[in-house]
Amino acid sequence: MVVRQPRYSKEEFARRGDYIYQSQVRPLVEPGNYGRIVAIDIETGQFELADDILSATNGLFERLPNAQPWIVRIGHRAVH
């Protein structure tokens, strides 16, 4: 099992994740995907859409093994 370490402070991680979601990802995924999960790499902006956190992050890690994922539940303020 690979243990991934964050490369950014919590504040920078959240700032990047929120910015990418609001400016790039949200317009693409929000229509028709209410309640689904999107995992966004905060370094590249690439993302994976799925029905649960594990599927979304695993899909992102398959494409980007060193991804720094920010998780959003579409249409909600919090993931859980």
N, C-alpha and C. Protein backbone atom coordinates (compact mmCIF):
# COMPACT_ATOMS: atom_id res chain seq x y z
N MET A 1 0.83 -1.17 0.00
CA MET A 1 0.00 0.00 0.00
C MET A 1 0.88 1.24 0.00
N VAL A 2 0.57 2.17 -0.88
CA VAL A 2 1.33 3.40 -1.00
C VAL A 2 0.75 4.43 -0.03
N VAL A 3 1.63 5.05 0.75
CA VAL A 3 1.21 6.11 1.65
C VAL A 3 1.59 7.44 1.00
N ARG A 4 0.59 8.24 0.70
CA ARG A 4 0.83 9.53 0.05
C ARG A 4 0.85 10.63 1.11
N GLN A 5 1.78 11.54 0.96
CA GLN A 5 1.91 12.65 1.90
C GLN A 5 1.46 13.94 1.23
N PRO A 6 0.76 14.80 1.96
CA PRO A 6 0.38 16.09 1.39
C PRO A 6 1.61 16.96 1.16
N ARG A 7 1.58 17.73 0.09
CA ARG A 7 2.70 18.61 -0.24
C ARG A 7 2.38 20.08 0.05
N TYR A 8 1.19 20.33 0.59
CA TYR A 8 0.75 21.69 0.84
C TYR A 8 0.15 21.79 2.24
N SER A 9 0.13 23.00 2.77
CA SER A 9 -0.55 23.23 4.04
C SER A 9 -2.05 23.00 3.84
N LYS A 10 -2.77 22.79 4.92
CA LYS A 10 -4.22 22.60 4.83
C LYS A 10 -4.89 23.80 4.18
N GLU A 11 -4.43 24.98 4.50
CA GLU A 11 -5.02 26.20 3.95
C GLU A 11 -4.78 26.31 2.44
N GLU A 12 -3.56 26.03 2.01
CA GLU A 12 -3.24 26.09 0.59
C GLU A 12 -3.97 24.99 -0.18
N PHE A 13 -4.06 23.82 0.41
CA PHE A 13 -4.78 22.70 -0.19
C PHE A 13 -6.23 23.10 -0.44
N ALA A 14 -6.88 23.65 0.59
CA ALA A 14 -8.29 24.06 0.48
C ALA A 14 -8.45 25.21 -0.51
N ARG A 15 -7.55 26.17 -0.49
CA ARG A 15 -7.63 27.30 -1.42
C ARG A 15 -7.56 26.83 -2.86
N ARG A 16 -6.59 25.98 -3.15
CA ARG A 16 -6.44 25.45 -4.51
C ARG A 16 -7.64 24.60 -4.92
N GLY A 17 -8.05 23.71 -4.02
CA GLY A 17 -9.17 22.83 -4.33
C GLY A 17 -10.45 23.59 -4.60
N ASP A 18 -10.77 24.55 -3.75
CA ASP A 18 -11.98 25.36 -3.94
C ASP A 18 -11.92 26.17 -5.23
N TYR A 19 -10.77 26.76 -5.49
CA TYR A 19 -10.62 27.57 -6.69
C TYR A 19 -10.82 26.73 -7.96
N ILE A 20 -10.15 25.60 -8.03
CA ILE A 20 -10.27 24.74 -9.22
C ILE A 20 -11.69 24.24 -9.38
N TYR A 21 -12.32 23.83 -8.27
CA TYR A 21 -13.70 23.35 -8.37
C TYR A 21 -14.62 24.45 -8.89
N GLN A 22 -14.57 25.62 -8.29
CA GLN A 22 -15.48 26.70 -8.67
C GLN A 22 -15.23 27.22 -10.08
N SER A 23 -13.97 27.36 -10.47
CA SER A 23 -13.65 28.00 -11.75
C SER A 23 -13.59 27.04 -12.94
N GLN A 24 -13.24 25.78 -12.71
CA GLN A 24 -13.03 24.87 -13.84
C GLN A 24 -13.95 23.66 -13.85
N VAL A 25 -14.13 23.03 -12.69
CA VAL A 25 -14.82 21.74 -12.64
C VAL A 25 -16.33 21.88 -12.48
N ARG A 26 -16.76 22.76 -11.60
CA ARG A 26 -18.20 22.89 -11.30
C ARG A 26 -19.06 23.10 -12.55
N PRO A 27 -18.70 24.01 -13.46
CA PRO A 27 -19.54 24.20 -14.64
C PRO A 27 -19.68 22.94 -15.51
N LEU A 28 -18.69 22.06 -15.44
CA LEU A 28 -18.72 20.84 -16.25
C LEU A 28 -19.51 19.71 -15.60
N VAL A 29 -19.48 19.63 -14.27
CA VAL A 29 -20.05 18.45 -13.60
C VAL A 29 -21.37 18.68 -12.88
N GLU A 30 -21.67 19.91 -12.51
CA GLU A 30 -22.85 20.14 -11.67
C GLU A 30 -24.17 19.73 -12.32
N PRO A 31 -24.42 20.07 -13.57
CA PRO A 31 -25.70 19.67 -14.16
C PRO A 31 -25.85 18.14 -14.23
N GLY A 32 -26.87 17.61 -13.58
CA GLY A 32 -27.15 16.18 -13.66
C GLY A 32 -26.35 15.28 -12.75
N ASN A 33 -25.50 15.83 -11.90
CA ASN A 33 -24.66 14.99 -11.04
C ASN A 33 -24.82 15.31 -9.56
N TYR A 34 -25.94 15.88 -9.16
CA TYR A 34 -26.17 16.26 -7.76
C TYR A 34 -25.94 15.07 -6.84
N GLY A 35 -25.11 15.28 -5.80
CA GLY A 35 -24.84 14.25 -4.81
C GLY A 35 -23.69 13.32 -5.15
N ARG A 36 -23.20 13.37 -6.37
CA ARG A 36 -22.05 12.53 -6.73
C ARG A 36 -20.76 13.15 -6.20
N ILE A 37 -19.69 12.40 -6.27
CA ILE A 37 -18.39 12.82 -5.75
C ILE A 37 -17.45 13.15 -6.91
N VAL A 38 -16.70 14.23 -6.75
CA VAL A 38 -15.65 14.55 -7.70
C VAL A 38 -14.34 14.68 -6.92
N ALA A 39 -13.30 13.98 -7.40
CA ALA A 39 -11.96 14.07 -6.83
C ALA A 39 -11.12 14.88 -7.82
N ILE A 40 -10.54 15.97 -7.34
CA ILE A 40 -9.80 16.90 -8.19
C ILE A 40 -8.34 16.92 -7.75
N ASP A 41 -7.41 16.76 -8.71
CA ASP A 41 -6.00 16.92 -8.39
C ASP A 41 -5.70 18.41 -8.32
N ILE A 42 -5.26 18.90 -7.17
CA ILE A 42 -5.06 20.34 -6.99
C ILE A 42 -3.83 20.87 -7.72
N GLU A 43 -3.03 20.00 -8.31
CA GLU A 43 -1.86 20.45 -9.07
C GLU A 43 -2.15 20.56 -10.56
N THR A 44 -2.97 19.67 -11.09
CA THR A 44 -3.22 19.65 -12.54
C THR A 44 -4.62 20.08 -12.92
N GLY A 45 -5.58 20.01 -12.00
CA GLY A 45 -6.97 20.31 -12.32
C GLY A 45 -7.72 19.13 -12.91
N GLN A 46 -7.03 18.01 -13.14
CA GLN A 46 -7.73 16.83 -13.65
C GLN A 46 -8.64 16.29 -12.55
N PHE A 47 -9.73 15.66 -12.97
CA PHE A 47 -10.69 15.19 -11.97
C PHE A 47 -11.33 13.88 -12.39
N GLU A 48 -11.93 13.22 -11.40
CA GLU A 48 -12.63 11.95 -11.59
C GLU A 48 -13.99 12.07 -10.91
N LEU A 49 -15.03 11.70 -11.62
CA LEU A 49 -16.40 11.75 -11.12
C LEU A 49 -16.87 10.33 -10.82
N ALA A 50 -17.48 10.12 -9.64
CA ALA A 50 -17.95 8.78 -9.26
C ALA A 50 -19.08 8.92 -8.24
N ASP A 51 -19.63 7.77 -7.86
CA ASP A 51 -20.72 7.76 -6.89
C ASP A 51 -20.24 7.72 -5.45
N ASP A 52 -18.96 7.42 -5.23
CA ASP A 52 -18.43 7.37 -3.87
C ASP A 52 -16.98 7.84 -3.86
N ILE A 53 -16.49 8.17 -2.67
CA ILE A 53 -15.15 8.74 -2.52
C ILE A 53 -14.07 7.77 -2.99
N LEU A 54 -14.17 6.53 -2.60
CA LEU A 54 -13.14 5.55 -2.95
C LEU A 54 -13.02 5.39 -4.46
N SER A 55 -14.13 5.26 -5.15
CA SER A 55 -14.09 5.11 -6.61
C SER A 55 -13.50 6.35 -7.28
N ALA A 56 -13.88 7.52 -6.81
CA ALA A 56 -13.38 8.76 -7.40
C ALA A 56 -11.87 8.90 -7.20
N THR A 57 -11.40 8.69 -5.97
CA THR A 57 -9.96 8.84 -5.72
C THR A 57 -9.15 7.73 -6.39
N ASN A 58 -9.65 6.51 -6.38
CA ASN A 58 -8.93 5.42 -7.06
C ASN A 58 -8.82 5.69 -8.55
N GLY A 59 -9.89 6.19 -9.16
CA GLY A 59 -9.85 6.52 -10.58
C GLY A 59 -8.83 7.61 -10.87
N LEU A 60 -8.77 8.61 -10.00
CA LEU A 60 -7.80 9.68 -10.18
C LEU A 60 -6.37 9.15 -10.01
N PHE A 61 -6.13 8.32 -8.98
CA PHE A 61 -4.80 7.76 -8.75
C PHE A 61 -4.36 6.81 -9.87
N GLU A 62 -5.30 6.16 -10.55
CA GLU A 62 -4.93 5.30 -11.68
C GLU A 62 -4.30 6.13 -12.79
N ARG A 63 -4.84 7.31 -13.01
CA ARG A 63 -4.31 8.19 -14.06
C ARG A 63 -3.14 9.03 -13.58
N LEU A 64 -3.20 9.45 -12.31
CA LEU A 64 -2.18 10.33 -11.74
C LEU A 64 -1.71 9.77 -10.40
N PRO A 65 -0.74 8.88 -10.40
CA PRO A 65 -0.32 8.23 -9.15
C PRO A 65 0.12 9.19 -8.05
N ASN A 66 0.58 10.39 -8.40
CA ASN A 66 1.03 11.36 -7.40
C ASN A 66 0.03 12.48 -7.17
N ALA A 67 -1.22 12.24 -7.51
CA ALA A 67 -2.26 13.27 -7.36
C ALA A 67 -2.41 13.70 -5.90
N GLN A 68 -2.83 14.94 -5.73
CA GLN A 68 -3.16 15.52 -4.43
C GLN A 68 -4.66 15.80 -4.49
N PRO A 69 -5.51 14.82 -4.13
CA PRO A 69 -6.95 14.96 -4.39
C PRO A 69 -7.71 15.83 -3.38
N TRP A 70 -8.54 16.68 -3.93
CA TRP A 70 -9.51 17.49 -3.18
C TRP A 70 -10.87 16.88 -3.51
N ILE A 71 -11.66 16.58 -2.50
CA ILE A 71 -12.93 15.87 -2.69
C ILE A 71 -14.10 16.82 -2.48
N VAL A 72 -15.07 16.76 -3.40
CA VAL A 72 -16.28 17.58 -3.31
C VAL A 72 -17.49 16.71 -3.59
N ARG A 73 -18.55 16.87 -2.80
CA ARG A 73 -19.84 16.26 -3.12
C ARG A 73 -20.63 17.33 -3.86
N ILE A 74 -20.96 17.07 -5.09
CA ILE A 74 -21.60 18.05 -5.96
C ILE A 74 -22.94 18.50 -5.40
N GLY A 75 -23.08 19.82 -5.28
CA GLY A 75 -24.32 20.41 -4.78
C GLY A 75 -24.42 20.49 -3.28
N HIS A 76 -23.37 20.10 -2.55
CA HIS A 76 -23.37 20.12 -1.08
C HIS A 76 -22.20 20.95 -0.57
N ARG A 77 -22.31 21.44 0.65
CA ARG A 77 -21.21 22.17 1.27
C ARG A 77 -20.12 21.25 1.79
N ALA A 78 -20.51 20.06 2.22
CA ALA A 78 -19.56 19.10 2.80
C ALA A 78 -19.71 17.74 2.11
N VAL A 79 -18.66 16.96 2.16
CA VAL A 79 -18.68 15.64 1.53
C VAL A 79 -19.60 14.70 2.29
N HIS A 80 -19.54 14.72 3.63
CA HIS A 80 -20.35 13.79 4.44
C HIS A 80 -21.55 14.49 5.02
